[in-house]
Protein backbone atom coordinates (compact mmCIF):
# COMPACT_ATOMS: atom_id res chain seq x y z
CA MET A 1 23.44 65.64 121.69
CA ASP A 2 26.79 67.43 121.80
CA ALA A 3 27.05 67.30 118.00
CA TRP A 4 23.50 68.68 117.70
CA ASN A 5 24.27 71.59 120.04
CA ALA A 6 27.64 72.35 118.40
CA ARG A 7 26.41 72.43 114.78
CA SER A 8 26.53 75.75 112.92
CA LEU A 9 23.24 77.26 111.78
CA ALA A 10 24.95 80.13 109.92
CA ALA A 11 24.06 78.71 106.50
CA GLU A 12 20.46 77.88 107.46
CA PRO A 13 17.67 80.29 106.53
CA ILE A 14 15.88 79.53 109.78
CA ILE A 15 14.88 82.12 112.33
CA ARG A 16 13.28 80.95 115.55
CA LEU A 17 11.74 82.87 118.37
CA ILE A 18 10.33 80.81 121.20
CA LEU A 19 8.13 82.58 123.73
CA ASP A 20 6.77 80.97 126.84
CA GLY A 21 5.11 82.31 129.93
CA THR A 22 4.79 81.01 133.44
CA VAL A 23 3.44 82.16 136.78
CA VAL A 24 5.67 81.94 139.83
CA ARG A 25 4.50 82.32 143.43
CA VAL A 26 6.94 84.44 145.44
CA ARG A 27 6.98 86.09 148.84
CA LEU A 28 7.34 89.89 148.79
CA ASP A 29 7.11 91.98 151.97
CA LYS A 30 5.90 88.94 153.94
CA LYS A 31 3.01 88.39 151.49
CA ALA A 32 2.75 85.55 148.97
CA THR A 33 1.94 86.80 145.50
CA SER A 34 2.05 85.55 141.90
CA ILE A 35 4.36 87.07 139.30
CA SER A 36 4.02 86.38 135.58
CA LEU A 37 7.27 85.77 133.69
CA LEU A 38 7.80 85.84 129.94
CA VAL A 39 10.76 83.85 128.65
CA ALA A 40 12.13 84.55 125.17
CA LEU A 41 14.69 82.33 123.41
CA ALA A 42 16.13 83.22 120.04
């Protein structure tokens, strides 16, 4: 796993964009509410 994470992708013609969304329940001003989060990894 360490070798996989440490490898260089500089010579690779690969571009990746990973988008994921999730809903998190939080408490704001003493009220429980849901907040949508978008996570982007590149």
